[in-house]
Amino acid sequence: MVNSVPLSTNGRLLARTSRGGEVKLWETDGGTCIGTLRSEPCYARMEITGVTGVTTAPRSALLGLGAIRRQTPGHEPAAP
């Protein structure tokens, strides 16, 4: 699904944005895609090692959304 299609001020580039966080840049003259930009998910690389007070379900959801949990030396990682 396309969210918006803004045009550059000089009219040479068009940017198509989508719900997935992707932006494609197009030349208006020939209709050539000149690049794609992608954003990271909100929780990508969020460090949750040692976080307390979070139950299993929310912790699993955070890991599924890109959060990371590192194993501490001498300890097995907790179940997600």
N, C-alpha and C. Protein backbone atom coordinates (compact mmCIF):
# COMPACT_ATOMS: atom_id res chain seq x y z
N MET A 1 0.84 -1.17 0.00
CA MET A 1 0.00 0.00 0.00
C MET A 1 0.89 1.25 0.00
N VAL A 2 0.64 2.15 -0.87
CA VAL A 2 1.40 3.40 -0.97
C VAL A 2 0.73 4.45 -0.09
N ASN A 3 1.54 5.11 0.77
CA ASN A 3 1.01 6.14 1.66
C ASN A 3 1.02 7.52 1.04
N SER A 4 2.11 7.87 0.36
CA SER A 4 2.20 9.20 -0.23
C SER A 4 3.17 9.19 -1.40
N VAL A 5 3.08 10.24 -2.23
CA VAL A 5 3.94 10.38 -3.40
C VAL A 5 4.34 11.85 -3.53
N PRO A 6 5.30 12.31 -2.69
CA PRO A 6 5.74 13.71 -2.80
C PRO A 6 6.68 13.92 -3.99
N LEU A 7 6.67 15.12 -4.51
CA LEU A 7 7.50 15.51 -5.65
C LEU A 7 8.53 16.53 -5.17
N SER A 8 9.78 16.42 -5.67
CA SER A 8 10.81 17.38 -5.28
C SER A 8 10.44 18.77 -5.79
N THR A 9 11.06 19.79 -5.19
CA THR A 9 10.73 21.17 -5.58
C THR A 9 11.11 21.47 -7.02
N ASN A 10 12.14 20.79 -7.56
CA ASN A 10 12.51 21.02 -8.96
C ASN A 10 11.76 20.11 -9.92
N GLY A 11 10.93 19.22 -9.39
CA GLY A 11 10.11 18.35 -10.23
C GLY A 11 10.85 17.18 -10.86
N ARG A 12 12.10 16.95 -10.48
CA ARG A 12 12.89 15.88 -11.10
C ARG A 12 12.80 14.55 -10.38
N LEU A 13 12.45 14.58 -9.10
CA LEU A 13 12.38 13.35 -8.31
C LEU A 13 11.01 13.19 -7.68
N LEU A 14 10.61 11.95 -7.57
CA LEU A 14 9.37 11.59 -6.92
C LEU A 14 9.73 10.55 -5.85
N ALA A 15 9.16 10.67 -4.67
CA ALA A 15 9.42 9.71 -3.60
C ALA A 15 8.13 8.99 -3.27
N ARG A 16 8.16 7.66 -3.36
CA ARG A 16 6.99 6.86 -3.03
C ARG A 16 7.24 6.21 -1.68
N THR A 17 6.36 6.45 -0.72
CA THR A 17 6.51 5.85 0.60
C THR A 17 5.44 4.79 0.82
N SER A 18 5.79 3.79 1.62
CA SER A 18 4.83 2.73 1.90
C SER A 18 4.76 2.47 3.40
N ARG A 19 3.77 1.71 3.82
CA ARG A 19 3.56 1.40 5.22
C ARG A 19 4.73 0.65 5.84
N GLY A 20 5.43 -0.14 5.06
CA GLY A 20 6.54 -0.92 5.57
C GLY A 20 7.77 -0.10 5.88
N GLY A 21 7.72 1.20 5.69
CA GLY A 21 8.86 2.05 5.99
C GLY A 21 9.83 2.18 4.84
N GLU A 22 9.42 1.78 3.65
CA GLU A 22 10.30 1.84 2.48
C GLU A 22 10.00 3.11 1.68
N VAL A 23 11.06 3.74 1.21
CA VAL A 23 10.93 4.92 0.35
C VAL A 23 11.69 4.63 -0.94
N LYS A 24 11.03 4.77 -2.07
CA LYS A 24 11.68 4.61 -3.37
C LYS A 24 11.75 5.96 -4.06
N LEU A 25 12.93 6.27 -4.60
CA LEU A 25 13.12 7.53 -5.31
C LEU A 25 13.09 7.25 -6.81
N TRP A 26 12.31 8.02 -7.54
CA TRP A 26 12.13 7.83 -8.97
C TRP A 26 12.45 9.11 -9.72
N GLU A 27 13.09 8.98 -10.89
CA GLU A 27 13.28 10.12 -11.78
C GLU A 27 11.98 10.31 -12.54
N THR A 28 11.51 11.55 -12.60
CA THR A 28 10.24 11.79 -13.29
C THR A 28 10.38 11.77 -14.81
N ASP A 29 11.57 12.05 -15.32
CA ASP A 29 11.76 12.06 -16.78
C ASP A 29 11.57 10.68 -17.40
N GLY A 30 12.30 9.70 -16.90
CA GLY A 30 12.26 8.37 -17.50
C GLY A 30 11.57 7.32 -16.68
N GLY A 31 11.14 7.66 -15.48
CA GLY A 31 10.47 6.70 -14.62
C GLY A 31 11.42 5.65 -14.04
N THR A 32 12.71 6.00 -13.93
CA THR A 32 13.71 5.08 -13.41
C THR A 32 13.80 5.18 -11.89
N CYS A 33 13.78 4.02 -11.22
CA CYS A 33 13.99 3.99 -9.77
C CYS A 33 15.48 4.16 -9.53
N ILE A 34 15.85 5.20 -8.80
CA ILE A 34 17.28 5.46 -8.57
C ILE A 34 17.75 5.05 -7.18
N GLY A 35 16.83 4.64 -6.32
CA GLY A 35 17.25 4.20 -5.00
C GLY A 35 16.09 3.80 -4.11
N THR A 36 16.43 2.98 -3.11
CA THR A 36 15.45 2.53 -2.13
C THR A 36 16.02 2.75 -0.74
N LEU A 37 15.25 3.35 0.12
CA LEU A 37 15.63 3.57 1.52
C LEU A 37 14.71 2.75 2.40
N ARG A 38 15.26 2.11 3.42
CA ARG A 38 14.46 1.32 4.34
C ARG A 38 14.76 1.75 5.78
N SER A 39 13.73 1.90 6.57
CA SER A 39 13.93 2.25 7.97
C SER A 39 13.96 0.98 8.81
N GLU A 40 14.61 1.07 9.96
CA GLU A 40 14.65 -0.06 10.88
C GLU A 40 13.36 -0.10 11.68
N PRO A 41 12.96 -1.30 12.09
CA PRO A 41 11.81 -1.40 12.99
C PRO A 41 12.08 -0.64 14.30
N CYS A 42 11.04 -0.24 14.98
CA CYS A 42 11.17 0.56 16.21
C CYS A 42 12.09 -0.05 17.25
N TYR A 43 12.05 -1.36 17.41
CA TYR A 43 12.82 -1.99 18.48
C TYR A 43 14.09 -2.68 17.98
N ALA A 44 14.48 -2.44 16.74
CA ALA A 44 15.68 -3.07 16.19
C ALA A 44 16.90 -2.69 17.03
N ARG A 45 17.63 -3.69 17.45
CA ARG A 45 18.87 -3.55 18.21
C ARG A 45 18.68 -2.94 19.60
N MET A 46 17.45 -2.86 20.09
CA MET A 46 17.24 -2.37 21.46
C MET A 46 17.78 -3.43 22.42
N GLU A 47 18.66 -3.04 23.30
CA GLU A 47 19.29 -3.97 24.24
C GLU A 47 18.36 -4.22 25.43
N ILE A 48 17.94 -5.47 25.64
CA ILE A 48 17.06 -5.78 26.78
C ILE A 48 17.72 -6.75 27.76
N THR A 49 19.02 -6.95 27.63
CA THR A 49 19.73 -7.81 28.58
C THR A 49 19.61 -7.23 29.98
N GLY A 50 19.20 -8.04 30.93
CA GLY A 50 19.10 -7.60 32.32
C GLY A 50 17.85 -6.82 32.66
N VAL A 51 16.96 -6.62 31.71
CA VAL A 51 15.72 -5.89 31.99
C VAL A 51 14.89 -6.71 32.97
N THR A 52 14.35 -6.07 33.97
CA THR A 52 13.53 -6.75 34.96
C THR A 52 12.12 -6.19 34.93
N GLY A 53 11.19 -6.96 35.49
CA GLY A 53 9.80 -6.50 35.56
C GLY A 53 9.03 -6.69 34.26
N VAL A 54 9.60 -7.45 33.33
CA VAL A 54 8.93 -7.71 32.06
C VAL A 54 8.62 -9.20 32.00
N THR A 55 7.37 -9.54 31.80
CA THR A 55 6.99 -10.95 31.75
C THR A 55 7.38 -11.57 30.41
N THR A 56 7.21 -12.87 30.31
CA THR A 56 7.64 -13.63 29.14
C THR A 56 7.00 -13.13 27.84
N ALA A 57 5.71 -12.88 27.84
CA ALA A 57 5.03 -12.48 26.60
C ALA A 57 5.56 -11.16 26.03
N PRO A 58 5.64 -10.09 26.82
CA PRO A 58 6.19 -8.84 26.27
C PRO A 58 7.66 -8.98 25.87
N ARG A 59 8.44 -9.76 26.65
CA ARG A 59 9.84 -9.97 26.31
C ARG A 59 9.95 -10.67 24.95
N SER A 60 9.13 -11.67 24.73
CA SER A 60 9.12 -12.39 23.44
C SER A 60 8.70 -11.46 22.31
N ALA A 61 7.72 -10.60 22.58
CA ALA A 61 7.28 -9.64 21.56
C ALA A 61 8.41 -8.69 21.19
N LEU A 62 9.13 -8.17 22.19
CA LEU A 62 10.25 -7.27 21.92
C LEU A 62 11.33 -7.97 21.10
N LEU A 63 11.65 -9.21 21.45
CA LEU A 63 12.66 -9.95 20.69
C LEU A 63 12.18 -10.18 19.26
N GLY A 64 10.90 -10.46 19.09
CA GLY A 64 10.35 -10.65 17.75
C GLY A 64 10.37 -9.38 16.92
N LEU A 65 10.38 -8.23 17.59
CA LEU A 65 10.41 -6.95 16.89
C LEU A 65 11.82 -6.43 16.67
N GLY A 66 12.83 -7.25 17.05
CA GLY A 66 14.20 -6.87 16.75
C GLY A 66 15.07 -6.52 17.94
N ALA A 67 14.51 -6.55 19.16
CA ALA A 67 15.33 -6.28 20.34
C ALA A 67 16.34 -7.42 20.49
N ILE A 68 17.43 -7.15 21.21
CA ILE A 68 18.45 -8.17 21.40
C ILE A 68 18.70 -8.40 22.88
N ARG A 69 19.08 -9.62 23.19
CA ARG A 69 19.41 -10.00 24.56
C ARG A 69 20.72 -10.77 24.48
N ARG A 70 21.72 -10.28 25.15
CA ARG A 70 23.02 -10.93 25.14
C ARG A 70 23.15 -11.89 26.31
N GLN A 71 23.89 -12.97 26.08
CA GLN A 71 24.14 -13.93 27.15
C GLN A 71 25.21 -13.37 28.06
N THR A 72 24.95 -13.36 29.35
CA THR A 72 25.96 -12.89 30.29
C THR A 72 26.89 -14.05 30.64
N PRO A 73 28.16 -13.80 30.84
CA PRO A 73 29.11 -14.88 31.12
C PRO A 73 28.68 -15.73 32.32
N GLY A 74 28.72 -17.05 32.13
CA GLY A 74 28.36 -17.98 33.19
C GLY A 74 26.89 -18.22 33.39
N HIS A 75 26.07 -17.62 32.55
CA HIS A 75 24.62 -17.81 32.66
C HIS A 75 24.05 -18.21 31.32
N GLU A 76 23.10 -19.11 31.37
CA GLU A 76 22.35 -19.46 30.17
C GLU A 76 21.35 -18.35 29.90
N PRO A 77 21.06 -18.04 28.63
CA PRO A 77 20.05 -17.02 28.35
C PRO A 77 18.68 -17.49 28.84
N ALA A 78 17.90 -16.58 29.35
CA ALA A 78 16.54 -16.90 29.81
C ALA A 78 15.68 -17.24 28.61
N ALA A 79 14.68 -18.05 28.85
CA ALA A 79 13.74 -18.40 27.77
C ALA A 79 13.02 -17.14 27.32
N PRO A 80 12.75 -17.03 26.03
CA PRO A 80 12.08 -15.80 25.53
C PRO A 80 10.73 -15.62 26.06
